[in-house]
Amino acid sequence: MDTLSHALWGKGLFGYRGYGKLALFFGAMPDLSSFGLLFLMQILNGVYNPGAPKLETLPNWLFFNYDISHSFITSFTCIILVNFFNKQVAFTMLAWPFHILLDFPFHSKAYFPTKLFYPFSNFSFDGIPWSNPEIWFPNIAGIIILFIYRTGSYKKLNLFKNSS
């Protein structure tokens, strides 16, 4: 899934209790901690190349960051620890494992498979890439529907009007 979609899903599902910006962040954080850092380093070094980079050109740290940030083990451990101090922030952080939930069926094993239980297991699923239209368009539709619901716009549109 693309990073912007992850951020929007995070805000729409977990950012309605007063921590909207934090939900945006945690929705995108797993990608930001790997590819976001790479992008920033490339920009600062003046060597940015658009498009998906070839695996052999990527630094080793990026694979580690991707695997550790896309693991349910890591995300739920952090959320449980934060929950002891602030339950509302912990709820907002659920955007992180939701990111993982969206990624694992939509990444192929050929390019950054999501290792759900890393570092204890390298298990991953050979999914359908999110860039396929049959995945991408329903994703966008789902985000639009979610934000229509969250903003209460469906009431103004009379989408669920009683027809009796």
N, C-alpha and C. Protein backbone atom coordinates (compact mmCIF):
# COMPACT_ATOMS: atom_id res chain seq x y z
N MET A 1 0.85 -1.17 0.00
CA MET A 1 0.00 0.00 0.00
C MET A 1 0.90 1.23 0.00
N ASP A 2 0.45 2.29 -0.61
CA ASP A 2 1.24 3.52 -0.63
C ASP A 2 1.17 4.21 0.73
N THR A 3 2.19 4.97 1.04
CA THR A 3 2.33 5.60 2.36
C THR A 3 1.20 6.56 2.67
N LEU A 4 0.78 7.34 1.69
CA LEU A 4 -0.32 8.29 1.92
C LEU A 4 -1.61 7.54 2.30
N SER A 5 -1.92 6.46 1.61
CA SER A 5 -3.11 5.66 1.95
C SER A 5 -3.02 5.15 3.38
N HIS A 6 -1.84 4.65 3.77
CA HIS A 6 -1.66 4.17 5.14
C HIS A 6 -1.93 5.28 6.15
N ALA A 7 -1.41 6.46 5.87
CA ALA A 7 -1.61 7.59 6.78
C ALA A 7 -3.10 7.93 6.89
N LEU A 8 -3.79 7.95 5.77
CA LEU A 8 -5.23 8.30 5.78
C LEU A 8 -6.05 7.22 6.47
N TRP A 9 -5.76 5.95 6.23
CA TRP A 9 -6.46 4.88 6.95
C TRP A 9 -6.23 5.03 8.46
N GLY A 10 -4.97 5.33 8.84
CA GLY A 10 -4.66 5.51 10.25
C GLY A 10 -5.47 6.62 10.88
N LYS A 11 -5.53 7.77 10.22
CA LYS A 11 -6.31 8.90 10.75
C LYS A 11 -7.79 8.58 10.78
N GLY A 12 -8.30 8.00 9.72
CA GLY A 12 -9.73 7.71 9.64
C GLY A 12 -10.21 6.70 10.67
N LEU A 13 -9.37 5.73 10.98
CA LEU A 13 -9.78 4.68 11.92
C LEU A 13 -9.37 4.95 13.36
N PHE A 14 -8.22 5.60 13.56
CA PHE A 14 -7.68 5.73 14.91
C PHE A 14 -7.38 7.16 15.34
N GLY A 15 -7.73 8.14 14.51
CA GLY A 15 -7.42 9.52 14.82
C GLY A 15 -8.61 10.37 15.19
N TYR A 16 -9.71 9.76 15.52
CA TYR A 16 -10.92 10.52 15.81
C TYR A 16 -11.10 10.80 17.30
N ARG A 17 -10.16 10.40 18.11
CA ARG A 17 -10.27 10.64 19.56
C ARG A 17 -9.32 11.76 20.01
N GLY A 18 -9.00 12.65 19.10
CA GLY A 18 -8.19 13.80 19.48
C GLY A 18 -6.71 13.72 19.13
N TYR A 19 -6.28 12.66 18.51
CA TYR A 19 -4.87 12.52 18.14
C TYR A 19 -4.74 12.26 16.64
N GLY A 20 -5.39 13.08 15.85
CA GLY A 20 -5.42 12.88 14.40
C GLY A 20 -4.06 12.90 13.74
N LYS A 21 -3.22 13.87 14.11
CA LYS A 21 -1.89 13.96 13.50
C LYS A 21 -1.02 12.78 13.91
N LEU A 22 -1.15 12.35 15.14
CA LEU A 22 -0.39 11.19 15.60
C LEU A 22 -0.85 9.92 14.86
N ALA A 23 -2.15 9.81 14.61
CA ALA A 23 -2.67 8.67 13.85
C ALA A 23 -2.14 8.68 12.41
N LEU A 24 -2.09 9.87 11.80
CA LEU A 24 -1.47 9.99 10.47
C LEU A 24 -0.04 9.48 10.50
N PHE A 25 0.71 9.91 11.53
CA PHE A 25 2.10 9.50 11.66
C PHE A 25 2.23 7.99 11.82
N PHE A 26 1.49 7.40 12.76
CA PHE A 26 1.63 5.96 12.99
C PHE A 26 1.10 5.14 11.82
N GLY A 27 0.16 5.69 11.07
CA GLY A 27 -0.28 5.00 9.87
C GLY A 27 0.82 4.92 8.83
N ALA A 28 1.65 5.93 8.76
CA ALA A 28 2.73 5.99 7.76
C ALA A 28 4.08 5.54 8.30
N MET A 29 4.25 5.52 9.61
CA MET A 29 5.55 5.31 10.25
C MET A 29 6.34 4.11 9.75
N PRO A 30 5.75 2.93 9.55
CA PRO A 30 6.58 1.82 9.09
C PRO A 30 7.28 2.10 7.76
N ASP A 31 6.62 2.80 6.87
CA ASP A 31 7.26 3.15 5.59
C ASP A 31 8.25 4.30 5.78
N LEU A 32 7.92 5.24 6.64
CA LEU A 32 8.81 6.37 6.87
C LEU A 32 10.13 5.94 7.50
N SER A 33 10.08 4.90 8.36
CA SER A 33 11.31 4.46 9.03
C SER A 33 12.25 3.69 8.11
N SER A 34 11.78 3.33 6.94
CA SER A 34 12.65 2.64 5.99
C SER A 34 12.81 3.50 4.73
N PHE A 35 11.82 3.51 3.88
CA PHE A 35 11.91 4.24 2.62
C PHE A 35 11.89 5.75 2.83
N GLY A 36 11.22 6.23 3.86
CA GLY A 36 11.23 7.66 4.15
C GLY A 36 12.62 8.15 4.49
N LEU A 37 13.35 7.38 5.31
CA LEU A 37 14.73 7.74 5.64
C LEU A 37 15.62 7.70 4.40
N LEU A 38 15.43 6.68 3.57
CA LEU A 38 16.21 6.59 2.34
C LEU A 38 15.94 7.79 1.44
N PHE A 39 14.68 8.15 1.29
CA PHE A 39 14.28 9.30 0.47
C PHE A 39 14.95 10.58 1.00
N LEU A 40 14.89 10.78 2.31
CA LEU A 40 15.49 11.96 2.92
C LEU A 40 17.00 11.99 2.67
N MET A 41 17.66 10.87 2.85
CA MET A 41 19.11 10.79 2.62
C MET A 41 19.43 11.08 1.15
N GLN A 42 18.64 10.55 0.24
CA GLN A 42 18.88 10.79 -1.17
C GLN A 42 18.70 12.27 -1.52
N ILE A 43 17.67 12.89 -0.99
CA ILE A 43 17.42 14.31 -1.24
C ILE A 43 18.59 15.15 -0.71
N LEU A 44 19.01 14.86 0.52
CA LEU A 44 20.11 15.62 1.13
C LEU A 44 21.42 15.44 0.36
N ASN A 45 21.60 14.27 -0.23
CA ASN A 45 22.83 13.99 -1.01
C ASN A 45 22.68 14.35 -2.48
N GLY A 46 21.50 14.81 -2.88
CA GLY A 46 21.28 15.20 -4.27
C GLY A 46 21.29 14.06 -5.26
N VAL A 47 20.89 12.88 -4.82
CA VAL A 47 20.93 11.70 -5.70
C VAL A 47 19.59 10.99 -5.83
N TYR A 48 18.49 11.70 -5.63
CA TYR A 48 17.18 11.07 -5.67
C TYR A 48 16.82 10.60 -7.08
N ASN A 49 16.36 9.36 -7.17
CA ASN A 49 15.85 8.79 -8.42
C ASN A 49 14.43 8.33 -8.18
N PRO A 50 13.45 8.90 -8.90
CA PRO A 50 12.06 8.49 -8.68
C PRO A 50 11.83 7.04 -9.11
N GLY A 51 10.77 6.45 -8.57
CA GLY A 51 10.42 5.08 -8.92
C GLY A 51 10.93 4.10 -7.88
N ALA A 52 10.50 2.86 -8.04
CA ALA A 52 10.90 1.81 -7.10
C ALA A 52 12.37 1.45 -7.31
N PRO A 53 13.17 1.57 -6.27
CA PRO A 53 14.59 1.24 -6.42
C PRO A 53 14.81 -0.27 -6.56
N LYS A 54 15.87 -0.64 -7.25
CA LYS A 54 16.23 -2.05 -7.39
C LYS A 54 16.77 -2.54 -6.05
N LEU A 55 16.41 -3.77 -5.69
CA LEU A 55 16.80 -4.33 -4.40
C LEU A 55 18.30 -4.28 -4.17
N GLU A 56 19.08 -4.58 -5.19
CA GLU A 56 20.54 -4.64 -5.03
C GLU A 56 21.17 -3.27 -4.79
N THR A 57 20.43 -2.19 -5.01
CA THR A 57 20.96 -0.85 -4.79
C THR A 57 20.66 -0.32 -3.38
N LEU A 58 19.88 -1.06 -2.62
CA LEU A 58 19.43 -0.57 -1.31
C LEU A 58 20.40 -0.97 -0.20
N PRO A 59 20.59 -0.10 0.78
CA PRO A 59 21.47 -0.42 1.91
C PRO A 59 20.84 -1.46 2.83
N ASN A 60 21.69 -2.21 3.52
CA ASN A 60 21.22 -3.27 4.41
C ASN A 60 20.32 -2.75 5.53
N TRP A 61 20.61 -1.56 6.04
CA TRP A 61 19.81 -1.03 7.15
C TRP A 61 18.35 -0.86 6.75
N LEU A 62 18.10 -0.57 5.47
CA LEU A 62 16.73 -0.37 5.01
C LEU A 62 15.91 -1.65 5.15
N PHE A 63 16.50 -2.78 4.83
CA PHE A 63 15.80 -4.07 4.95
C PHE A 63 15.49 -4.36 6.42
N PHE A 64 16.45 -4.10 7.31
CA PHE A 64 16.22 -4.31 8.74
C PHE A 64 15.11 -3.39 9.24
N ASN A 65 15.20 -2.09 8.90
CA ASN A 65 14.18 -1.14 9.35
C ASN A 65 12.80 -1.54 8.82
N TYR A 66 12.73 -1.95 7.57
CA TYR A 66 11.45 -2.36 6.99
C TYR A 66 10.89 -3.56 7.77
N ASP A 67 11.72 -4.57 7.96
CA ASP A 67 11.25 -5.79 8.63
C ASP A 67 10.83 -5.54 10.06
N ILE A 68 11.61 -4.77 10.80
CA ILE A 68 11.28 -4.54 12.21
C ILE A 68 10.06 -3.64 12.36
N SER A 69 9.89 -2.68 11.46
CA SER A 69 8.74 -1.76 11.57
C SER A 69 7.46 -2.35 10.98
N HIS A 70 7.59 -3.43 10.21
CA HIS A 70 6.42 -4.09 9.62
C HIS A 70 6.13 -5.41 10.33
N SER A 71 6.44 -5.49 11.60
CA SER A 71 6.24 -6.70 12.40
C SER A 71 5.19 -6.46 13.48
N PHE A 72 4.25 -7.39 13.58
CA PHE A 72 3.27 -7.32 14.66
C PHE A 72 3.96 -7.41 16.02
N ILE A 73 5.05 -8.18 16.10
CA ILE A 73 5.78 -8.33 17.37
C ILE A 73 6.23 -6.95 17.86
N THR A 74 6.88 -6.20 16.99
CA THR A 74 7.38 -4.87 17.35
C THR A 74 6.24 -3.91 17.67
N SER A 75 5.25 -3.87 16.78
CA SER A 75 4.18 -2.88 16.96
C SER A 75 3.38 -3.13 18.24
N PHE A 76 2.97 -4.37 18.47
CA PHE A 76 2.16 -4.62 19.67
C PHE A 76 2.97 -4.51 20.95
N THR A 77 4.27 -4.82 20.91
CA THR A 77 5.11 -4.63 22.09
C THR A 77 5.15 -3.15 22.45
N CYS A 78 5.36 -2.30 21.47
CA CYS A 78 5.39 -0.85 21.72
C CYS A 78 4.04 -0.34 22.21
N ILE A 79 2.98 -0.80 21.60
CA ILE A 79 1.63 -0.34 21.98
C ILE A 79 1.30 -0.77 23.41
N ILE A 80 1.65 -1.98 23.77
CA ILE A 80 1.39 -2.47 25.14
C ILE A 80 2.15 -1.63 26.15
N LEU A 81 3.41 -1.30 25.84
CA LEU A 81 4.20 -0.46 26.75
C LEU A 81 3.60 0.94 26.89
N VAL A 82 3.22 1.55 25.79
CA VAL A 82 2.61 2.88 25.83
C VAL A 82 1.28 2.85 26.57
N ASN A 83 0.54 1.75 26.44
CA ASN A 83 -0.77 1.62 27.08
C ASN A 83 -0.68 1.77 28.60
N PHE A 84 0.45 1.39 29.19
CA PHE A 84 0.61 1.55 30.64
C PHE A 84 0.62 3.03 31.05
N PHE A 85 1.00 3.91 30.11
CA PHE A 85 1.15 5.33 30.43
C PHE A 85 0.03 6.20 29.85
N ASN A 86 -0.47 5.82 28.66
CA ASN A 86 -1.49 6.66 28.02
C ASN A 86 -2.34 5.79 27.08
N LYS A 87 -3.50 5.42 27.54
CA LYS A 87 -4.38 4.54 26.76
C LYS A 87 -4.86 5.17 25.46
N GLN A 88 -5.08 6.47 25.46
CA GLN A 88 -5.55 7.15 24.24
C GLN A 88 -4.46 7.13 23.16
N VAL A 89 -3.23 7.38 23.53
CA VAL A 89 -2.13 7.33 22.57
C VAL A 89 -1.95 5.90 22.08
N ALA A 90 -2.07 4.94 22.99
CA ALA A 90 -1.94 3.53 22.60
C ALA A 90 -3.02 3.16 21.57
N PHE A 91 -4.24 3.65 21.78
CA PHE A 91 -5.30 3.41 20.81
C PHE A 91 -4.92 4.01 19.45
N THR A 92 -4.43 5.23 19.46
CA THR A 92 -4.02 5.89 18.22
C THR A 92 -2.92 5.11 17.52
N MET A 93 -2.03 4.52 18.29
CA MET A 93 -0.92 3.74 17.73
C MET A 93 -1.39 2.49 17.00
N LEU A 94 -2.64 2.10 17.18
CA LEU A 94 -3.16 0.93 16.45
C LEU A 94 -3.13 1.15 14.94
N ALA A 95 -2.93 2.39 14.51
CA ALA A 95 -2.72 2.66 13.08
C ALA A 95 -1.50 1.92 12.56
N TRP A 96 -0.53 1.66 13.42
CA TRP A 96 0.70 0.95 13.04
C TRP A 96 0.41 -0.51 12.67
N PRO A 97 -0.18 -1.31 13.56
CA PRO A 97 -0.46 -2.69 13.11
C PRO A 97 -1.51 -2.75 11.99
N PHE A 98 -2.37 -1.73 11.91
CA PHE A 98 -3.30 -1.71 10.78
C PHE A 98 -2.54 -1.52 9.48
N HIS A 99 -1.49 -0.73 9.50
CA HIS A 99 -0.60 -0.58 8.34
C HIS A 99 -0.08 -1.96 7.92
N ILE A 100 0.39 -2.72 8.89
CA ILE A 100 0.92 -4.06 8.61
C ILE A 100 -0.17 -4.95 8.05
N LEU A 101 -1.35 -4.89 8.62
CA LEU A 101 -2.48 -5.68 8.16
C LEU A 101 -2.82 -5.38 6.70
N LEU A 102 -2.71 -4.11 6.31
CA LEU A 102 -2.95 -3.74 4.92
C LEU A 102 -1.81 -4.16 4.00
N ASP A 103 -0.60 -4.18 4.53
CA ASP A 103 0.55 -4.48 3.68
C ASP A 103 0.71 -5.95 3.34
N PHE A 104 0.52 -6.85 4.30
CA PHE A 104 0.93 -8.22 4.04
C PHE A 104 0.20 -8.89 2.88
N PRO A 105 -1.08 -8.61 2.61
CA PRO A 105 -1.67 -9.26 1.43
C PRO A 105 -1.38 -8.52 0.12
N PHE A 106 -0.77 -7.33 0.22
CA PHE A 106 -0.57 -6.51 -0.98
C PHE A 106 0.90 -6.22 -1.28
N HIS A 107 1.77 -7.11 -0.81
CA HIS A 107 3.18 -7.10 -1.18
C HIS A 107 3.54 -8.50 -1.65
N SER A 108 4.22 -8.57 -2.78
CA SER A 108 4.65 -9.89 -3.26
C SER A 108 5.95 -10.26 -2.56
N LYS A 109 6.30 -11.53 -2.62
CA LYS A 109 7.56 -11.98 -2.04
C LYS A 109 8.75 -11.45 -2.83
N ALA A 110 8.51 -11.02 -4.06
CA ALA A 110 9.60 -10.52 -4.91
C ALA A 110 10.10 -9.14 -4.45
N TYR A 111 9.24 -8.34 -3.84
CA TYR A 111 9.65 -6.98 -3.47
C TYR A 111 9.06 -6.60 -2.11
N PHE A 112 9.87 -6.67 -1.10
CA PHE A 112 9.53 -6.31 0.27
C PHE A 112 8.30 -7.02 0.81
N PRO A 113 8.41 -8.36 0.94
CA PRO A 113 7.31 -9.07 1.61
C PRO A 113 7.25 -8.64 3.08
N THR A 114 6.06 -8.61 3.61
CA THR A 114 5.85 -8.20 5.00
C THR A 114 6.01 -9.41 5.90
N LYS A 115 7.06 -9.37 6.73
CA LYS A 115 7.36 -10.46 7.67
C LYS A 115 6.61 -10.18 8.97
N LEU A 116 5.43 -10.74 9.08
CA LEU A 116 4.50 -10.41 10.16
C LEU A 116 5.05 -10.60 11.56
N PHE A 117 5.89 -11.61 11.77
CA PHE A 117 6.34 -11.95 13.12
C PHE A 117 7.86 -11.83 13.27
N TYR A 118 8.46 -10.97 12.47
CA TYR A 118 9.89 -10.71 12.55
C TYR A 118 10.18 -10.11 13.93
N PRO A 119 11.23 -10.43 14.61
CA PRO A 119 12.40 -11.23 14.24
C PRO A 119 12.28 -12.71 14.56
N PHE A 120 11.13 -13.17 15.04
CA PHE A 120 10.98 -14.57 15.42
C PHE A 120 10.71 -15.47 14.23
N SER A 121 10.22 -14.90 13.15
CA SER A 121 9.90 -15.68 11.96
C SER A 121 10.05 -14.80 10.73
N ASN A 122 10.46 -15.43 9.64
CA ASN A 122 10.54 -14.73 8.35
C ASN A 122 9.32 -15.02 7.48
N PHE A 123 8.28 -15.58 8.09
CA PHE A 123 7.07 -15.90 7.34
C PHE A 123 6.52 -14.65 6.67
N SER A 124 6.16 -14.81 5.41
CA SER A 124 5.51 -13.73 4.67
C SER A 124 4.53 -14.35 3.69
N PHE A 125 3.72 -13.52 3.11
CA PHE A 125 2.67 -13.95 2.21
C PHE A 125 2.98 -13.39 0.83
N ASP A 126 2.79 -14.20 -0.21
CA ASP A 126 3.02 -13.73 -1.57
C ASP A 126 1.73 -13.09 -2.08
N GLY A 127 1.60 -11.80 -1.85
CA GLY A 127 0.36 -11.11 -2.14
C GLY A 127 0.30 -10.48 -3.52
N ILE A 128 -0.81 -9.81 -3.74
CA ILE A 128 -1.06 -9.09 -4.99
C ILE A 128 -0.55 -7.66 -4.77
N PRO A 129 0.35 -7.15 -5.60
CA PRO A 129 0.87 -5.80 -5.39
C PRO A 129 -0.25 -4.74 -5.36
N TRP A 130 -0.14 -3.82 -4.42
CA TRP A 130 -1.16 -2.80 -4.21
C TRP A 130 -1.33 -1.87 -5.40
N SER A 131 -0.33 -1.84 -6.28
CA SER A 131 -0.42 -0.95 -7.44
C SER A 131 -1.36 -1.47 -8.52
N ASN A 132 -1.80 -2.73 -8.41
CA ASN A 132 -2.77 -3.25 -9.37
C ASN A 132 -4.09 -2.51 -9.23
N PRO A 133 -4.72 -2.16 -10.37
CA PRO A 133 -5.98 -1.40 -10.30
C PRO A 133 -7.06 -2.07 -9.46
N GLU A 134 -7.13 -3.41 -9.45
CA GLU A 134 -8.17 -4.09 -8.67
C GLU A 134 -7.94 -3.97 -7.17
N ILE A 135 -6.76 -3.52 -6.75
CA ILE A 135 -6.48 -3.24 -5.35
C ILE A 135 -6.52 -1.73 -5.10
N TRP A 136 -5.89 -0.97 -5.99
CA TRP A 136 -5.73 0.47 -5.79
C TRP A 136 -7.07 1.20 -5.76
N PHE A 137 -7.95 0.93 -6.72
CA PHE A 137 -9.23 1.65 -6.77
C PHE A 137 -10.13 1.34 -5.57
N PRO A 138 -10.27 0.08 -5.15
CA PRO A 138 -11.06 -0.16 -3.93
C PRO A 138 -10.44 0.48 -2.68
N ASN A 139 -9.11 0.55 -2.63
CA ASN A 139 -8.45 1.23 -1.52
C ASN A 139 -8.87 2.70 -1.45
N ILE A 140 -8.80 3.38 -2.58
CA ILE A 140 -9.20 4.79 -2.64
C ILE A 140 -10.68 4.95 -2.28
N ALA A 141 -11.51 4.07 -2.82
CA ALA A 141 -12.95 4.12 -2.51
C ALA A 141 -13.18 3.91 -1.01
N GLY A 142 -12.46 2.97 -0.42
CA GLY A 142 -12.60 2.72 1.02
C GLY A 142 -12.21 3.93 1.85
N ILE A 143 -11.13 4.60 1.48
CA ILE A 143 -10.71 5.80 2.20
C ILE A 143 -11.77 6.90 2.08
N ILE A 144 -12.31 7.09 0.89
CA ILE A 144 -13.34 8.11 0.68
C ILE A 144 -14.58 7.80 1.52
N ILE A 145 -15.02 6.55 1.50
CA ILE A 145 -16.19 6.14 2.30
C ILE A 145 -15.92 6.36 3.79
N LEU A 146 -14.73 5.99 4.25
CA LEU A 146 -14.38 6.17 5.66
C LEU A 146 -14.44 7.64 6.06
N PHE A 147 -13.91 8.53 5.23
CA PHE A 147 -13.91 9.95 5.59
C PHE A 147 -15.29 10.58 5.44
N ILE A 148 -16.10 10.09 4.52
CA ILE A 148 -17.49 10.53 4.46
C ILE A 148 -18.20 10.16 5.76
N TYR A 149 -17.95 8.94 6.23
CA TYR A 149 -18.55 8.50 7.49
C TYR A 149 -18.04 9.32 8.67
N ARG A 150 -16.71 9.51 8.76
CA ARG A 150 -16.12 10.23 9.89
C ARG A 150 -16.56 11.68 9.96
N THR A 151 -16.76 12.30 8.82
CA THR A 151 -17.16 13.71 8.83
C THR A 151 -18.67 13.87 8.96
N GLY A 152 -19.41 12.79 8.88
CA GLY A 152 -20.86 12.86 8.96
C GLY A 152 -21.50 13.35 7.68
N SER A 153 -20.72 13.42 6.61
CA SER A 153 -21.23 13.92 5.33
C SER A 153 -22.35 13.04 4.77
N TYR A 154 -22.37 11.78 5.14
CA TYR A 154 -23.42 10.89 4.63
C TYR A 154 -24.80 11.35 5.09
N LYS A 155 -24.87 12.03 6.22
CA LYS A 155 -26.15 12.54 6.70
C LYS A 155 -26.64 13.66 5.78
N LYS A 156 -25.72 14.52 5.34
CA LYS A 156 -26.07 15.61 4.44
C LYS A 156 -26.45 15.09 3.06
N LEU A 157 -25.85 13.98 2.68
CA LEU A 157 -26.15 13.39 1.37
C LEU A 157 -27.40 12.54 1.38
N ASN A 158 -27.99 12.33 2.56
CA ASN A 158 -29.19 11.49 2.73
C ASN A 158 -28.96 10.07 2.18
N LEU A 159 -27.76 9.56 2.37
CA LEU A 159 -27.43 8.23 1.85
C LEU A 159 -28.19 7.12 2.59
N PHE A 160 -28.48 7.36 3.85
CA PHE A 160 -29.13 6.32 4.62
C PHE A 160 -30.50 6.78 5.12
N LYS A 161 -31.18 7.48 4.29
CA LYS A 161 -32.51 8.00 4.63
C LYS A 161 -33.51 6.85 4.69
N ASN A 162 -34.37 6.89 5.65
CA ASN A 162 -35.41 5.88 5.77
C ASN A 162 -36.44 6.11 4.66
N SER A 163 -36.63 5.10 3.82
CA SER A 163 -37.51 5.27 2.66
C SER A 163 -38.96 4.88 2.94
N SER A 164 -39.33 4.58 4.17
CA SER A 164 -40.72 4.19 4.45
C SER A 164 -41.61 5.35 4.74
